């Protein structure tokens, strides 16, 4: 079952990122009192009353002119309409209803998607209570007053949001077929790879970044085994909007990754590894998916006997945070090595669902702590009592300790390395939950 997607839409400087961070419960988007400062991290997992959802902050930039503002707002609203199940439209009580708000409200009303109107910066109902009524003019129903900065009114807002969650339609029939998401920047060859895997030109392929607009599921059977490849959408160019087009493609990537078991991160061998590549790969990593990093267009690279070795070194440096990932050098154009995708996908899936007996895990833990003494702080030493596997996909382990604060990241990583040395878990991340003895 995929999670509901909630998009946070609004013009610059109305407090979208503050609201986003408050609901997510952690600082993710950069927040400053300057329009257009949201960068990079625009999604997070949220929950309210046991409803779990993926939240997307559409961000914004300081426009060059009012006309560009409307174009920018239009691009954000269109993307939210296409991708989200529910949309939170954020406005600012202090500036009141402005022309850009009307522009977006009109699009959202036509979308037939559920819209929850949020009036932010209502720090005092006594002071701003009467100003809220102005927002009925937008024609989106009841405005919900909140102060994201002061955590006021969020309960009522989220109660309304979850009322609109689809009761049906998010359940996907689980038939055991592996789902593989092809993710990457626009024009890295996602559609070309899908066509080569399928053996026919089923997906439109173009040199224009963003030809594919919607995620497309393609079933491919290889050696009698069915696989579903999810070709994540690129994005249409939005004229001279000054925001980076890659940023918006992240929204569709988040939705596709959520549905997938394994992600293939495509990188353009000619262009090399970019920050956009590492950001997109990070989505798969944080979602706990298996990962293959596929360097595409390898046939176009001039090579010597060290080219692949040198590129692999760059991959390890850029993707150091996901050193479990498998690397593959391919050409979607010529078909070079693409048959190896199935071999890697099957191997990674086996690792994702591997379970280790508790007794074996505790033997590894005992040896690990004997070889490297746990850290101490102010005379108190960390004690690791017990380890057990809680779940799979990704493999998740619970470690019971005497003091959670003493379990430094570096020592957790050391335990992970010991487990990997014994069982591999190639291609999949491993998660750890640290509990103090007596906790559930």
Protein backbone atom coordinates (compact mmCIF):
# COMPACT_ATOMS: atom_id res chain seq x y z
CA UNK A 1 0.00 0.00 0.00
CA UNK A 2 1.39 3.37 -0.94
CA UNK A 3 1.15 6.33 1.39
CA UNK A 4 -1.18 9.24 0.78
CA UNK A 5 0.65 12.26 -0.66
CA UNK A 6 -0.11 15.64 0.91
CA UNK A 7 1.26 18.66 -0.97
CA UNK A 8 1.84 22.00 0.76
CA UNK A 9 1.19 24.81 -1.75
CA UNK A 10 1.37 28.59 -1.41
CA UNK A 11 3.17 31.71 -2.55
CA UNK A 12 6.62 32.56 -1.20
CA UNK A 13 7.02 33.62 2.42
CA UNK A 14 3.63 32.49 3.73
CA UNK A 15 5.27 29.95 6.03
CA UNK A 16 5.01 26.73 4.02
CA UNK A 17 8.38 25.43 5.20
CA UNK A 18 7.63 26.29 8.84
CA UNK A 19 4.32 24.43 8.62
CA UNK A 20 6.04 21.54 6.83
CA UNK A 21 8.73 21.25 9.51
CA UNK A 22 6.23 21.49 12.36
CA UNK A 23 4.04 18.69 11.01
CA UNK A 24 7.10 16.56 10.18
CA UNK A 25 8.40 17.13 13.71
CA UNK A 26 11.91 18.02 12.63
CA UNK A 27 13.86 20.67 10.82
CA UNK A 28 14.01 19.64 7.17
CA UNK A 29 13.40 22.64 4.95
CA UNK A 30 15.57 25.71 5.49
CA UNK A 31 13.50 28.44 7.13
CA UNK A 32 14.40 32.11 6.88
CA UNK A 33 12.28 35.24 6.65
CA UNK A 34 13.24 35.66 3.02
CA UNK A 35 11.08 34.55 0.08
CA UNK A 36 12.34 31.56 -1.84
CA UNK A 37 14.82 30.03 0.60
CA UNK A 38 13.49 26.44 0.51
CA UNK A 39 16.12 24.21 -1.07
CA UNK A 40 16.69 20.51 -1.72
CA UNK A 41 14.81 18.66 1.03
CA UNK A 42 11.13 19.01 0.21
CA UNK A 43 9.54 15.79 1.46
CA UNK A 44 9.05 14.01 4.77
CA UNK A 45 7.01 11.26 6.35
CA UNK A 46 4.21 12.51 8.59
CA UNK A 47 1.48 10.92 10.68
CA UNK A 48 -1.63 12.06 12.49
CA UNK A 49 -4.02 9.86 14.47
CA UNK A 50 -2.39 6.75 12.98
CA UNK A 51 -2.78 8.06 9.44
CA UNK A 52 0.60 7.92 7.70
CA UNK A 53 1.39 10.10 4.72
CA UNK A 54 4.19 11.56 2.61
CA UNK A 55 4.26 15.34 2.75
CA UNK A 56 5.73 17.49 0.00
CA UNK A 57 6.75 21.14 0.37
CA UNK A 58 6.49 22.80 -3.05
CA UNK A 59 8.77 25.66 -2.01
CA UNK A 60 9.02 28.90 -3.95
CA UNK A 61 11.43 31.56 -5.15
CA UNK A 62 11.57 35.31 -5.14
CA UNK A 63 10.08 36.19 -8.54
CA UNK A 64 11.59 38.67 -10.94
CA UNK A 65 8.17 40.20 -11.53
CA UNK A 66 4.53 39.62 -10.73
CA UNK A 67 4.14 37.86 -14.06
CA UNK A 68 6.91 35.38 -13.22
CA UNK A 69 5.31 34.89 -9.81
CA UNK A 70 2.11 33.72 -11.44
CA UNK A 71 4.05 31.34 -13.70
CA UNK A 72 5.92 29.97 -10.71
CA UNK A 73 2.75 29.52 -8.69
CA UNK A 74 1.11 27.86 -11.66
CA UNK A 75 3.94 25.34 -12.05
CA UNK A 76 3.80 24.45 -8.37
CA UNK A 77 0.02 24.14 -8.32
CA UNK A 78 -0.04 22.00 -11.47
CA UNK A 79 2.54 19.64 -10.04
CA UNK A 80 0.66 19.37 -6.75
CA UNK A 81 -2.59 18.71 -8.61
CA UNK A 82 -1.02 15.94 -10.68
CA UNK A 83 0.72 14.18 -7.80
CA UNK A 84 -1.05 14.81 -4.51
CA UNK A 85 -4.07 13.11 -2.97
CA UNK A 86 -4.79 16.10 -0.69
CA UNK A 87 -3.50 19.68 -0.97
CA UNK A 88 -2.90 22.13 1.87
CA UNK A 89 -3.13 25.66 0.44
CA UNK A 90 -1.20 28.00 2.77
CA UNK A 91 -1.99 31.72 2.92
CA UNK A 92 -0.82 34.56 5.19
CA UNK A 93 -3.28 36.36 7.47
CA UNK A 94 -0.94 39.36 7.80
CA UNK A 95 -0.82 40.10 4.06
CA UNK A 96 -4.42 39.07 3.45
CA UNK A 97 -5.70 37.67 0.17
CA UNK A 98 -3.51 38.77 -2.76
CA UNK A 99 -3.81 38.28 -6.54
CA UNK A 100 -1.49 35.25 -6.58
CA UNK A 101 -3.74 33.52 -4.04
CA UNK A 102 -6.75 33.97 -6.33
CA UNK A 103 -4.75 32.62 -9.26
CA UNK A 104 -3.81 29.40 -7.49
CA UNK A 105 -7.21 28.99 -5.83
CA UNK A 106 -8.83 28.99 -9.27
CA UNK A 107 -6.59 26.15 -10.47
CA UNK A 108 -7.04 24.15 -7.31
CA UNK A 109 -10.82 24.51 -7.47
CA UNK A 110 -10.85 23.14 -11.03
CA UNK A 111 -8.66 20.19 -10.05
CA UNK A 112 -11.43 18.41 -8.11
CA UNK A 113 -8.72 17.40 -5.59
CA UNK A 114 -9.48 17.90 -1.88
CA UNK A 115 -8.17 21.31 -0.78
CA UNK A 116 -7.66 22.35 2.84
CA UNK A 117 -7.27 26.12 3.19
CA UNK A 118 -4.71 27.08 5.83
CA UNK A 119 -4.43 30.68 7.04
CA UNK A 120 -1.00 30.88 8.67
CA UNK A 121 0.59 33.33 11.12
CA UNK A 122 -2.56 33.64 13.24
CA UNK A 123 -0.56 34.08 16.43
CA UNK A 124 -3.63 35.46 18.26
CA UNK A 125 -7.28 34.75 17.47
CA UNK A 126 -8.20 37.88 19.42
CA UNK A 127 -6.00 40.00 17.14
CA UNK A 128 -6.56 38.30 13.78
CA UNK A 129 -9.92 36.53 14.26
CA UNK A 130 -11.92 38.87 12.05
CA UNK A 131 -9.26 38.88 9.32
CA UNK A 132 -9.75 35.17 8.73
CA UNK A 133 -13.18 35.72 7.14
CA UNK A 134 -11.55 37.48 4.18
CA UNK A 135 -10.20 34.11 3.00
CA UNK A 136 -13.70 32.76 2.30
CA UNK A 137 -13.40 34.87 -0.86
CA UNK A 138 -11.07 32.23 -2.32
CA UNK A 139 -14.02 29.86 -2.68
CA UNK A 140 -12.22 26.89 -1.10
CA UNK A 141 -14.45 26.45 1.91
CA UNK A 142 -13.61 26.98 5.56
CA UNK A 143 -10.23 28.59 6.29
CA UNK A 144 -8.31 26.94 9.15
CA UNK A 145 -6.34 29.46 11.25
CA UNK A 146 -2.94 28.24 12.42
CA UNK A 147 0.34 29.54 13.69
CA UNK A 148 2.93 27.10 12.41
CA UNK A 149 5.70 28.88 14.32
CA UNK A 150 3.81 28.63 17.62
CA UNK A 151 2.19 25.23 16.98
CA UNK A 152 -1.35 26.66 17.24
CA UNK A 153 -4.35 25.25 15.40
CA UNK A 154 -2.47 22.35 13.81
CA UNK A 155 -4.75 19.69 15.27
CA UNK A 156 -7.86 21.10 13.61
CA UNK A 157 -5.98 21.50 10.34
CA UNK A 158 -4.70 17.92 10.32
CA UNK A 159 -8.10 16.56 11.38
CA UNK A 160 -9.50 18.13 8.22
CA UNK A 161 -6.61 16.84 6.07
CA UNK A 162 -7.03 13.19 7.10
CA UNK A 163 -10.81 13.40 6.53
CA UNK A 164 -9.99 13.63 2.83
CA UNK A 165 -7.68 10.62 2.69
CA UNK A 166 -8.91 8.12 0.12
CA UNK A 167 -10.71 5.20 1.73
CA UNK A 168 -10.02 3.04 -1.31
CA UNK A 169 -7.64 3.12 -4.24
CA UNK A 170 -4.32 3.16 -2.39
CA UNK A 171 -4.31 -0.58 -1.88
CA UNK A 172 -2.25 -2.32 -4.52
CA UNK A 173 -2.75 -5.98 -5.16
CA UNK A 174 0.28 -7.75 -3.73
CA UNK A 175 0.99 -10.66 -6.05
CA UNK A 176 4.67 -10.96 -5.17
CA UNK A 177 5.81 -9.24 -8.37
CA UNK A 178 8.92 -7.15 -7.73
CA UNK A 179 8.45 -3.45 -8.42
CA UNK A 180 11.52 -1.58 -9.62
CA UNK A 181 11.48 2.22 -9.86
CA UNK A 182 13.73 3.85 -12.46
CA UNK A 183 14.69 7.18 -10.92
CA UNK A 184 17.07 9.93 -11.88
CA UNK A 185 17.23 13.42 -13.31
CA UNK A 186 15.36 14.25 -16.52
CA UNK A 187 16.98 12.92 -19.70
CA UNK A 188 19.27 10.32 -18.11
CA UNK A 189 17.62 7.54 -20.11
CA UNK A 190 14.83 6.16 -17.89
CA UNK A 191 12.37 5.74 -20.76
CA UNK A 192 15.05 4.39 -23.09
CA UNK A 193 15.96 1.74 -20.53
CA UNK A 194 12.29 0.80 -20.10
CA UNK A 195 11.95 0.38 -23.87
CA UNK A 196 15.08 -1.76 -24.10
CA UNK A 197 13.93 -3.97 -21.22
CA UNK A 198 10.52 -4.32 -22.85
CA UNK A 199 11.93 -4.89 -26.31
CA UNK A 200 9.69 -2.35 -27.97
CA UNK A 201 9.20 1.40 -28.10
CA UNK A 202 6.31 1.63 -25.69
CA UNK A 203 7.42 4.75 -23.81
CA UNK A 204 7.98 8.04 -25.64
CA UNK A 205 11.70 8.82 -25.79
CA UNK A 206 12.99 12.30 -26.53
CA UNK A 207 16.12 14.36 -26.00
CA UNK A 208 13.97 17.06 -24.38
CA UNK A 209 14.22 16.80 -20.62
CA UNK A 210 10.87 15.96 -19.10
CA UNK A 211 9.07 14.32 -22.00
CA UNK A 212 7.52 11.76 -19.68
CA UNK A 213 4.87 13.43 -17.57
CA UNK A 214 3.39 10.60 -15.54
CA UNK A 215 4.86 7.55 -13.84
CA UNK A 216 4.33 4.57 -16.14
CA UNK A 217 4.17 0.94 -14.96
CA UNK A 218 5.54 -1.58 -17.44
CA UNK A 219 5.42 -5.33 -16.82
CA UNK A 220 8.37 -7.25 -18.22
CA UNK A 221 8.82 -11.04 -18.06
CA UNK A 222 12.38 -12.34 -18.02
CA UNK A 223 13.18 -16.06 -17.83
CA UNK A 224 9.57 -16.72 -16.87
CA UNK A 225 9.58 -14.25 -13.96
CA UNK A 226 7.44 -11.06 -14.14
CA UNK A 227 8.81 -7.70 -13.01
CA UNK A 228 7.13 -4.29 -12.90
CA UNK A 229 9.30 -1.32 -13.88
CA UNK A 230 8.07 2.10 -12.78
CA UNK A 231 9.40 4.76 -15.16
CA UNK A 232 9.29 7.92 -13.03
CA UNK A 233 8.15 11.01 -14.83
CA UNK A 234 10.38 13.81 -15.98
CA UNK A 235 8.99 17.30 -16.16
CA UNK A 236 7.91 19.77 -18.79
CA UNK A 237 9.95 22.92 -18.96
CA UNK A 238 8.17 25.91 -17.45
CA UNK A 239 9.37 28.75 -19.66
CA UNK A 240 11.91 30.97 -17.93
CA UNK A 241 10.97 30.12 -14.39
CA UNK A 242 14.20 30.60 -12.46
CA UNK A 243 13.83 27.58 -10.18
CA UNK A 244 15.76 24.42 -11.14
CA UNK A 245 13.57 21.94 -13.04
CA UNK A 246 15.19 19.00 -11.25
CA UNK A 247 13.74 20.10 -7.97
CA UNK A 248 10.19 19.47 -9.09
CA UNK A 249 10.96 16.00 -10.46
CA UNK A 250 11.73 15.00 -6.86
CA UNK A 251 8.01 15.08 -6.04
CA UNK A 252 7.15 12.37 -8.55
CA UNK A 253 10.25 10.44 -7.55
CA UNK A 254 9.08 10.30 -3.93
CA UNK A 255 5.73 8.86 -5.00
CA UNK A 256 7.31 6.21 -7.24
CA UNK A 257 9.96 5.18 -4.69
CA UNK A 258 7.24 4.69 -2.08
CA UNK A 259 5.60 2.02 -4.27
CA UNK A 260 8.81 0.26 -5.29
CA UNK A 261 10.77 -2.58 -3.72
CA UNK A 262 14.06 -1.68 -5.42
CA UNK A 263 15.24 1.52 -7.08
CA UNK A 264 17.60 1.87 -10.02
CA UNK A 265 19.26 5.29 -9.87
CA UNK A 266 20.29 6.25 -13.39
CA UNK A 267 23.29 8.53 -13.88
CA UNK A 268 24.45 10.08 -17.14
CA UNK A 269 27.99 8.78 -17.73
CA UNK A 270 28.81 11.67 -20.06
CA UNK A 271 27.62 14.38 -17.66
CA UNK A 272 29.11 12.69 -14.62
CA UNK A 273 27.79 12.56 -11.04
CA UNK A 274 25.93 15.69 -9.95
CA UNK A 275 24.36 16.94 -6.72
CA UNK A 276 20.98 16.20 -8.29
CA UNK A 277 21.95 12.53 -8.60
CA UNK A 278 22.93 12.28 -4.93
CA UNK A 279 19.71 14.01 -3.84
CA UNK A 280 17.53 11.63 -5.82
CA UNK A 281 19.47 8.57 -4.64
CA UNK A 282 19.00 9.83 -1.09
CA UNK A 283 15.23 9.46 -1.47
CA UNK A 284 15.61 5.73 -2.12
CA UNK A 285 18.10 5.40 0.76
CA UNK A 286 15.89 7.15 3.30
CA UNK A 287 12.90 5.10 2.19
CA UNK A 288 14.82 1.91 2.98
CA UNK A 289 14.71 0.57 -0.57
CA UNK A 290 17.24 -1.65 -2.28
CA UNK A 291 19.45 0.37 -4.61
CA UNK A 292 21.29 -0.17 -7.87
CA UNK A 293 23.25 2.80 -9.20
CA UNK A 294 23.29 2.36 -12.97
CA UNK A 295 25.68 4.51 -14.97
CA UNK A 296 23.91 4.89 -18.32
CA UNK A 297 25.30 5.93 -21.74
CA UNK A 298 28.52 4.06 -20.94
CA UNK A 299 28.93 3.41 -24.67
CA UNK A 300 29.51 7.14 -25.23
CA UNK A 301 32.45 7.41 -22.81
CA UNK A 302 36.01 7.28 -24.12
CA UNK A 303 37.72 4.53 -22.14
CA UNK A 304 41.04 3.09 -21.17
CA UNK A 305 41.82 0.17 -18.88
CA UNK A 306 41.16 2.30 -15.77
CA UNK A 307 38.03 4.24 -16.76
CA UNK A 308 35.53 2.02 -14.95
CA UNK A 309 37.76 1.76 -11.89
CA UNK A 310 38.10 5.55 -11.68
CA UNK A 311 34.36 6.12 -12.14
CA UNK A 312 33.62 3.51 -9.46
CA UNK A 313 35.91 5.40 -7.08
CA UNK A 314 33.90 8.59 -7.74
CA UNK A 315 30.66 6.71 -7.09
CA UNK A 316 31.96 5.46 -3.74
CA UNK A 317 32.96 8.98 -2.76
CA UNK A 318 29.71 10.66 -3.83
CA UNK A 319 27.46 7.93 -2.45
CA UNK A 320 29.44 7.19 0.71
CA UNK A 321 26.22 7.37 2.73
CA UNK A 322 24.90 4.30 0.87
CA UNK A 323 27.95 2.11 0.43
CA UNK A 324 25.74 -0.99 0.27
CA UNK A 325 24.45 0.03 -3.20
CA UNK A 326 25.32 -2.09 -6.22
CA UNK A 327 26.99 -0.43 -9.24
CA UNK A 328 26.29 -1.25 -12.87
CA UNK A 329 27.63 0.34 -16.07
CA UNK A 330 25.08 0.08 -18.88
CA UNK A 331 23.86 1.45 -22.17
CA UNK A 332 20.11 1.65 -22.67
CA UNK A 333 20.81 2.44 -26.32
CA UNK A 334 22.88 -0.67 -27.13
CA UNK A 335 21.58 -2.97 -24.37
CA UNK A 336 25.05 -3.32 -22.86
CA UNK A 337 24.84 -5.24 -19.53
CA UNK A 338 21.13 -4.54 -19.00
CA UNK A 339 20.47 -8.29 -18.55
CA UNK A 340 22.50 -8.00 -15.33
CA UNK A 341 19.72 -5.83 -13.88
CA UNK A 342 17.56 -8.91 -13.31
CA UNK A 343 20.42 -10.77 -11.62
CA UNK A 344 21.06 -7.85 -9.25
CA UNK A 345 17.36 -7.24 -8.57
CA UNK A 346 16.84 -10.87 -7.55
CA UNK A 347 19.95 -10.89 -5.38
CA UNK A 348 18.98 -7.65 -3.62
CA UNK A 349 15.43 -8.85 -2.99
CA UNK A 350 16.77 -12.04 -1.38
CA UNK A 351 18.88 -9.86 0.92
CA UNK A 352 15.95 -7.55 1.70
CA UNK A 353 13.83 -10.42 3.03
CA UNK A 354 16.65 -12.35 4.75
CA UNK A 355 16.01 -13.18 8.40
CA UNK A 356 18.76 -14.05 10.89
CA UNK A 357 18.11 -16.16 13.97
CA UNK A 358 18.32 -14.29 17.25
CA UNK A 359 20.91 -16.68 18.65
CA UNK A 360 23.24 -16.12 15.72
CA UNK A 361 22.82 -12.35 15.99
CA UNK A 362 23.76 -12.37 19.65
CA UNK A 363 26.86 -14.45 18.94
CA UNK A 364 27.93 -11.77 16.44
CA UNK A 365 27.15 -9.04 18.99
CA UNK A 366 29.22 -10.76 21.69
CA UNK A 367 32.21 -11.14 19.36
CA UNK A 368 31.89 -7.54 18.17
CA UNK A 369 31.87 -6.07 21.69
CA UNK A 370 34.82 -8.28 22.67
CA UNK A 371 36.86 -7.06 19.70
CA UNK A 372 35.97 -3.39 20.17
CA UNK A 373 34.95 -2.12 23.57
CA UNK A 374 31.73 -0.05 23.60
CA UNK A 375 32.19 3.69 24.22
CA UNK A 376 31.84 5.37 27.59
CA UNK A 377 31.02 8.88 28.76
CA UNK A 378 31.80 10.42 32.16
CA UNK A 379 32.68 7.04 33.59
CA UNK A 380 29.54 5.29 32.35
CA UNK A 381 30.12 2.61 29.72
CA UNK A 382 27.65 1.48 27.08
CA UNK A 383 26.38 -2.08 27.57
CA UNK A 384 24.73 -3.99 24.76
CA UNK A 385 22.45 -6.66 26.22
CA UNK A 386 20.60 -8.20 23.33
CA UNK A 387 19.86 -7.94 19.60
CA UNK A 388 16.98 -9.32 17.55
CA UNK A 389 15.63 -8.81 14.03
CA UNK A 390 12.30 -6.99 14.02
CA UNK A 391 11.39 -6.87 10.33
CA UNK A 392 12.56 -7.14 6.74
CA UNK A 393 12.61 -4.90 3.64
CA UNK A 394 14.68 -3.22 4.92
CA UNK A 395 16.23 -5.60 7.47
CA UNK A 396 15.64 -3.92 10.82
CA UNK A 397 17.32 -4.87 14.10
CA UNK A 398 16.51 -3.88 17.66
CA UNK A 399 19.43 -3.53 20.09
CA UNK A 400 18.73 -3.32 23.83
CA UNK A 401 21.26 -1.22 25.76
CA UNK A 402 21.71 0.29 29.20
CA UNK A 403 21.71 3.91 27.96
CA UNK A 404 20.54 4.97 24.51
CA UNK A 405 22.55 8.21 24.67
CA UNK A 406 25.81 6.23 24.82
CA UNK A 407 25.06 4.38 21.56
CA UNK A 408 26.98 6.66 19.22
CA UNK A 409 26.42 6.52 15.48
CA UNK A 410 29.95 5.27 14.92
CA UNK A 411 29.43 2.24 17.16
CA UNK A 412 26.09 1.45 15.51
CA UNK A 413 27.89 1.55 12.18
CA UNK A 414 30.53 -0.80 13.58
CA UNK A 415 27.82 -3.32 14.57
CA UNK A 416 26.28 -2.95 11.10
CA UNK A 417 29.64 -3.72 9.49
CA UNK A 418 30.00 -6.85 11.63
CA UNK A 419 26.57 -8.07 10.52
CA UNK A 420 27.36 -7.30 6.89
CA UNK A 421 30.67 -9.17 7.13
CA UNK A 422 28.76 -12.27 8.17
CA UNK A 423 25.65 -12.00 5.99
CA UNK A 424 26.38 -9.45 3.25
CA UNK A 425 23.01 -7.75 2.80
CA UNK A 426 24.34 -6.35 -0.47
CA UNK A 427 22.15 -3.79 -2.15
CA UNK A 428 19.91 -3.06 0.84
CA UNK A 429 20.19 -0.63 3.74
CA UNK A 430 20.02 -1.93 7.30
CA UNK A 431 18.06 -0.13 10.01
CA UNK A 432 18.71 -0.18 13.76
CA UNK A 433 16.33 0.67 16.60
CA UNK A 434 18.04 1.33 19.92
CA UNK A 435 16.02 0.53 23.04
CA UNK A 436 16.82 0.71 26.71
CA UNK A 437 16.14 -2.49 28.64
CA UNK A 438 12.54 -2.60 29.79
CA UNK A 439 11.21 -0.66 26.80
CA UNK A 440 8.83 -2.35 24.36
